[in-house]
Amino acid sequence: MIDAHMKWYNPEVFSKLWIELNKRHEVQIIDYVNNEIEYPDELVTWVKEKHQKNEIEINEEIISVYNKLIKWVRNCSRWSEAGFAEWQKPEKADPWLIAIAKVNDFTIVTLDGNLRTSLPDKKSFSNKEPKISAVANRYEVSTIPMYELLKEMELSF
């Protein structure tokens, strides 16, 4: 969200895009993303406004998938403890996004590794944190970048 807002779809140029995304029910923001967005101020305001319309509830099925996902990431011999450290924080949005998307058959819109990230080799013990698209792919959760969302929604500006 931050990169899309600041780099590619700056609201000073694409204000109608952000207005349209705010109107669309199919675009949802989960609590964890809402809590992670701390800057820029315009995006914080937009996310809080959009989030008020959020209807996603964390249930036992999502918690179960989340726990399985965290256990797999920890035990799969692909990330070092340093690489996994961020993901084990309960407030980290990335694993929750994947769990929610898996249970609800949602697509995650992210620039985090899209179209270029795969799982690290076993026993490579990457020190980088897991990328959403790599782990989501393992759990058969679709990820797309923002421009794909715009194409699917038939939006052009």
C-alpha atoms as a PDB file:
ATOM      1  CA  MET A   1       0.000   0.000   0.000  1.00  0.00           C
ATOM      2  CA  ILE A   2       2.757   2.417   0.917  1.00  0.00           C
ATOM      3  CA  ASP A   3       4.707   1.886  -2.306  1.00  0.00           C
ATOM      4  CA  ALA A   4       1.552   2.057  -4.413  1.00  0.00           C
ATOM      5  CA  HIS A   5       0.524   5.268  -2.683  1.00  0.00           C
ATOM      6  CA  MET A   6       3.896   7.013  -2.683  1.00  0.00           C
ATOM      7  CA  LYS A   7       5.629   5.752  -5.832  1.00  0.00           C
ATOM      8  CA  TRP A   8       3.261   4.504  -8.508  1.00  0.00           C
ATOM      9  CA  TYR A   9      -0.235   5.792  -7.783  1.00  0.00           C
ATOM     10  CA  ASN A  10       0.359   9.039  -5.930  1.00  0.00           C
ATOM     11  CA  PRO A  11      -3.050  10.500  -5.024  1.00  0.00           C
ATOM     12  CA  GLU A  12      -2.013  13.936  -6.298  1.00  0.00           C
ATOM     13  CA  VAL A  13      -2.017  12.398  -9.773  1.00  0.00           C
ATOM     14  CA  PHE A  14      -4.369   9.413  -9.303  1.00  0.00           C
ATOM     15  CA  SER A  15      -6.922  10.826  -6.862  1.00  0.00           C
ATOM     16  CA  LYS A  16      -9.822   9.202  -8.723  1.00  0.00           C
ATOM     17  CA  LEU A  17      -8.167   5.795  -8.359  1.00  0.00           C
ATOM     18  CA  TRP A  18      -8.075   6.037  -4.579  1.00  0.00           C
ATOM     19  CA  ILE A  19     -11.658   7.311  -4.475  1.00  0.00           C
ATOM     20  CA  GLU A  20     -12.764   4.376  -6.640  1.00  0.00           C
ATOM     21  CA  LEU A  21     -10.834   1.806  -4.578  1.00  0.00           C
ATOM     22  CA  ASN A  22     -12.463   3.185  -1.464  1.00  0.00           C
ATOM     23  CA  LYS A  23     -15.924   2.660  -2.983  1.00  0.00           C
ATOM     24  CA  ARG A  24     -15.307  -0.926  -4.097  1.00  0.00           C
ATOM     25  CA  HIS A  25     -16.615  -3.564  -1.701  1.00  0.00           C
ATOM     26  CA  GLU A  26     -14.359  -6.236  -3.211  1.00  0.00           C
ATOM     27  CA  VAL A  27     -11.279  -4.337  -2.003  1.00  0.00           C
ATOM     28  CA  GLN A  28     -10.851  -5.088   1.694  1.00  0.00           C
ATOM     29  CA  ILE A  29      -8.209  -4.154   4.263  1.00  0.00           C
ATOM     30  CA  ILE A  30      -7.653  -6.354   7.293  1.00  0.00           C
ATOM     31  CA  ASP A  31      -7.028  -5.082  10.829  1.00  0.00           C
ATOM     32  CA  TYR A  32      -3.370  -6.064  10.698  1.00  0.00           C
ATOM     33  CA  VAL A  33      -2.675  -3.999   7.583  1.00  0.00           C
ATOM     34  CA  ASN A  34      -4.650  -1.105   9.033  1.00  0.00           C
ATOM     35  CA  ASN A  35      -2.453  -1.240  12.132  1.00  0.00           C
ATOM     36  CA  GLU A  36       0.814  -1.436  10.154  1.00  0.00           C
ATOM     37  CA  ILE A  37       0.191   1.654   8.010  1.00  0.00           C
ATOM     38  CA  GLU A  38       1.763   4.564   9.892  1.00  0.00           C
ATOM     39  CA  TYR A  39       2.749   6.913   7.037  1.00  0.00           C
ATOM     40  CA  PRO A  40       2.190   8.932   4.928  1.00  0.00           C
ATOM     41  CA  ASP A  41      -0.660  10.729   6.681  1.00  0.00           C
ATOM     42  CA  GLU A  42      -2.917  10.721   3.596  1.00  0.00           C
ATOM     43  CA  LEU A  43      -2.614   6.939   3.302  1.00  0.00           C
ATOM     44  CA  VAL A  44      -3.251   6.466   7.030  1.00  0.00           C
ATOM     45  CA  THR A  45      -6.464   8.466   6.655  1.00  0.00           C
ATOM     46  CA  TRP A  46      -7.495   6.569   3.506  1.00  0.00           C
ATOM     47  CA  VAL A  47      -6.841   3.154   5.085  1.00  0.00           C
ATOM     48  CA  LYS A  48      -8.765   4.033   8.243  1.00  0.00           C
ATOM     49  CA  GLU A  49     -11.727   5.227   6.170  1.00  0.00           C
ATOM     50  CA  LYS A  50     -11.641   2.128   3.957  1.00  0.00           C
ATOM     51  CA  HIS A  51     -11.125  -0.144   6.949  1.00  0.00           C
ATOM     52  CA  GLN A  52     -14.315   1.103   8.614  1.00  0.00           C
ATOM     53  CA  LYS A  53     -16.192  -0.750   5.871  1.00  0.00           C
ATOM     54  CA  ASN A  54     -14.270  -3.964   6.536  1.00  0.00           C
ATOM     55  CA  GLU A  55     -16.351  -7.067   7.129  1.00  0.00           C
ATOM     56  CA  ILE A  56     -13.587  -9.633   7.630  1.00  0.00           C
ATOM     57  CA  GLU A  57     -13.768 -11.375  10.982  1.00  0.00           C
ATOM     58  CA  ILE A  58     -10.978 -13.558  12.349  1.00  0.00           C
ATOM     59  CA  ASN A  59     -12.507 -16.954  13.134  1.00  0.00           C
ATOM     60  CA  GLU A  60     -11.228 -20.348  14.296  1.00  0.00           C
ATOM     61  CA  GLU A  61     -10.629 -21.568  10.748  1.00  0.00           C
ATOM     62  CA  ILE A  62      -8.432 -18.546   9.957  1.00  0.00           C
ATOM     63  CA  ILE A  63      -6.540 -18.987  13.240  1.00  0.00           C
ATOM     64  CA  SER A  64      -5.967 -22.651  12.409  1.00  0.00           C
ATOM     65  CA  VAL A  65      -4.577 -21.837   8.949  1.00  0.00           C
ATOM     66  CA  TYR A  66      -2.456 -19.038  10.453  1.00  0.00           C
ATOM     67  CA  ASN A  67      -0.972 -21.446  13.016  1.00  0.00           C
ATOM     68  CA  LYS A  68      -0.214 -24.054  10.342  1.00  0.00           C
ATOM     69  CA  LEU A  69       1.376 -21.417   8.129  1.00  0.00           C
ATOM     70  CA  ILE A  70       3.581 -20.067  10.939  1.00  0.00           C
ATOM     71  CA  LYS A  71       4.620 -23.602  11.901  1.00  0.00           C
ATOM     72  CA  TRP A  72       5.477 -24.444   8.282  1.00  0.00           C
ATOM     73  CA  VAL A  73       7.534 -21.263   7.797  1.00  0.00           C
ATOM     74  CA  ARG A  74       9.415 -21.953  11.041  1.00  0.00           C
ATOM     75  CA  ASN A  75      10.117 -25.621  10.285  1.00  0.00           C
ATOM     76  CA  CYS A  76      10.610 -25.747   6.525  1.00  0.00           C
ATOM     77  CA  SER A  77      14.390 -25.116   6.592  1.00  0.00           C
ATOM     78  CA  ARG A  78      14.198 -22.121   4.261  1.00  0.00           C
ATOM     79  CA  TRP A  79      14.584 -19.154   6.612  1.00  0.00           C
ATOM     80  CA  SER A  80      16.982 -18.510   9.442  1.00  0.00           C
ATOM     81  CA  GLU A  81      15.675 -17.430  12.817  1.00  0.00           C
ATOM     82  CA  ALA A  82      16.478 -13.859  11.753  1.00  0.00           C
ATOM     83  CA  GLY A  83      14.478 -14.334   8.554  1.00  0.00           C
ATOM     84  CA  PHE A  84      11.527 -15.703  10.478  1.00  0.00           C
ATOM     85  CA  ALA A  85      11.677 -13.250  13.424  1.00  0.00           C
ATOM     86  CA  GLU A  86       9.345 -10.645  11.895  1.00  0.00           C
ATOM     87  CA  TRP A  87       6.727 -13.235  10.961  1.00  0.00           C
ATOM     88  CA  GLN A  88       6.428 -14.673  14.443  1.00  0.00           C
ATOM     89  CA  LYS A  89       5.147 -11.369  15.821  1.00  0.00           C
ATOM     90  CA  PRO A  90       1.373 -11.816  16.322  1.00  0.00           C
ATOM     91  CA  GLU A  91       0.661  -8.356  14.886  1.00  0.00           C
ATOM     92  CA  LYS A  92       2.562  -8.979  11.607  1.00  0.00           C
ATOM     93  CA  ALA A  93       0.076  -8.596   8.744  1.00  0.00           C
ATOM     94  CA  ASP A  94       1.664 -10.859   6.107  1.00  0.00           C
ATOM     95  CA  PRO A  95       0.826 -14.302   7.549  1.00  0.00           C
ATOM     96  CA  TRP A  96      -2.653 -13.118   8.546  1.00  0.00           C
ATOM     97  CA  LEU A  97      -3.257 -11.904   4.986  1.00  0.00           C
ATOM     98  CA  ILE A  98      -2.367 -15.328   3.636  1.00  0.00           C
ATOM     99  CA  ALA A  99      -4.507 -17.185   6.189  1.00  0.00           C
ATOM    100  CA  ILE A 100      -7.518 -14.932   5.580  1.00  0.00           C
ATOM    101  CA  ALA A 101      -7.112 -15.209   1.808  1.00  0.00           C
ATOM    102  CA  LYS A 102      -6.803 -19.006   2.001  1.00  0.00           C
ATOM    103  CA  VAL A 103      -9.970 -19.436   4.057  1.00  0.00           C
ATOM    104  CA  ASN A 104     -12.011 -16.924   2.042  1.00  0.00           C
ATOM    105  CA  ASP A 105     -10.581 -17.689  -1.408  1.00  0.00           C
ATOM    106  CA  PHE A 106      -9.352 -14.094  -1.734  1.00  0.00           C
ATOM    107  CA  THR A 107      -6.550 -12.739  -3.881  1.00  0.00           C
ATOM    108  CA  ILE A 108      -3.874 -10.688  -2.141  1.00  0.00           C
ATOM    109  CA  VAL A 109      -2.824  -7.449  -3.819  1.00  0.00           C
ATOM    110  CA  THR A 110       0.845  -6.951  -3.077  1.00  0.00           C
ATOM    111  CA  LEU A 111       4.088  -5.763  -4.564  1.00  0.00           C
ATOM    112  CA  ASP A 112       5.953  -7.984  -2.090  1.00  0.00           C
ATOM    113  CA  GLY A 113       7.842 -10.316  -4.401  1.00  0.00           C
ATOM    114  CA  ASN A 114       5.204 -10.599  -7.119  1.00  0.00           C
ATOM    115  CA  LEU A 115       6.275 -12.294 -10.307  1.00  0.00           C
ATOM    116  CA  ARG A 116       9.847 -12.723  -9.142  1.00  0.00           C
ATOM    117  CA  THR A 117       9.981 -14.447  -5.764  1.00  0.00           C
ATOM    118  CA  SER A 118       9.964 -18.144  -5.136  1.00  0.00           C
ATOM    119  CA  LEU A 119      10.680 -20.085  -1.999  1.00  0.00           C
ATOM    120  CA  PRO A 120      14.335 -20.143  -0.986  1.00  0.00           C
ATOM    121  CA  ASP A 121      16.012 -23.494  -1.445  1.00  0.00           C
ATOM    122  CA  LYS A 122      15.711 -25.881   1.475  1.00  0.00           C
ATOM    123  CA  LYS A 123      18.445 -25.413   4.041  1.00  0.00           C
ATOM    124  CA  SER A 124      19.420 -22.074   2.469  1.00  0.00           C
ATOM    125  CA  PHE A 125      18.288 -20.329   5.662  1.00  0.00           C
ATOM    126  CA  SER A 126      17.592 -16.954   4.097  1.00  0.00           C
ATOM    127  CA  ASN A 127      18.062 -14.084   6.544  1.00  0.00           C
ATOM    128  CA  LYS A 128      15.381 -12.073   4.750  1.00  0.00           C
ATOM    129  CA  GLU A 129      11.815 -12.352   5.951  1.00  0.00           C
ATOM    130  CA  PRO A 130       9.473 -14.526   3.894  1.00  0.00           C
ATOM    131  CA  LYS A 131       7.812 -12.779   0.955  1.00  0.00           C
ATOM    132  CA  ILE A 132       4.033 -12.838   0.794  1.00  0.00           C
ATOM    133  CA  SER A 133       3.890 -14.178  -2.755  1.00  0.00           C
ATOM    134  CA  ALA A 134       6.309 -17.053  -2.072  1.00  0.00           C
ATOM    135  CA  VAL A 135       4.451 -18.341   0.993  1.00  0.00           C
ATOM    136  CA  ALA A 136       1.026 -17.608  -0.507  1.00  0.00           C
ATOM    137  CA  ASN A 137       1.968 -19.668  -3.553  1.00  0.00           C
ATOM    138  CA  ARG A 138       2.871 -22.580  -1.257  1.00  0.00           C
ATOM    139  CA  TYR A 139      -0.643 -22.319   0.231  1.00  0.00           C
ATOM    140  CA  GLU A 140      -2.289 -21.927  -3.195  1.00  0.00           C
ATOM    141  CA  VAL A 141      -3.324 -18.330  -2.503  1.00  0.00           C
ATOM    142  CA  SER A 142      -3.282 -15.986  -5.489  1.00  0.00           C
ATOM    143  CA  THR A 143      -1.320 -12.752  -5.370  1.00  0.00           C
ATOM    144  CA  ILE A 144      -1.385  -9.947  -7.901  1.00  0.00           C
ATOM    145  CA  PRO A 145       0.223  -6.521  -8.146  1.00  0.00           C
ATOM    146  CA  MET A 146      -1.926  -3.376  -8.047  1.00  0.00           C
ATOM    147  CA  TYR A 147      -1.918  -2.906 -11.828  1.00  0.00           C
ATOM    148  CA  GLU A 148      -3.482  -6.397 -12.247  1.00  0.00           C
ATOM    149  CA  LEU A 149      -6.219  -5.425  -9.795  1.00  0.00           C
ATOM    150  CA  LEU A 150      -6.899  -2.306 -11.841  1.00  0.00           C
ATOM    151  CA  LYS A 151      -7.119  -4.378 -15.032  1.00  0.00           C
ATOM    152  CA  GLU A 152      -9.474  -6.893 -13.392  1.00  0.00           C
ATOM    153  CA  MET A 153     -11.663  -4.066 -12.114  1.00  0.00           C
ATOM    154  CA  GLU A 154     -11.528  -2.469 -15.578  1.00  0.00           C
ATOM    155  CA  LEU A 155     -10.239   0.792 -14.162  1.00  0.00           C
ATOM    156  CA  SER A 156      -8.120   3.149 -16.211  1.00  0.00           C
ATOM    157  CA  PHE A 157      -7.131   6.714 -15.481  1.00  0.00           C
END
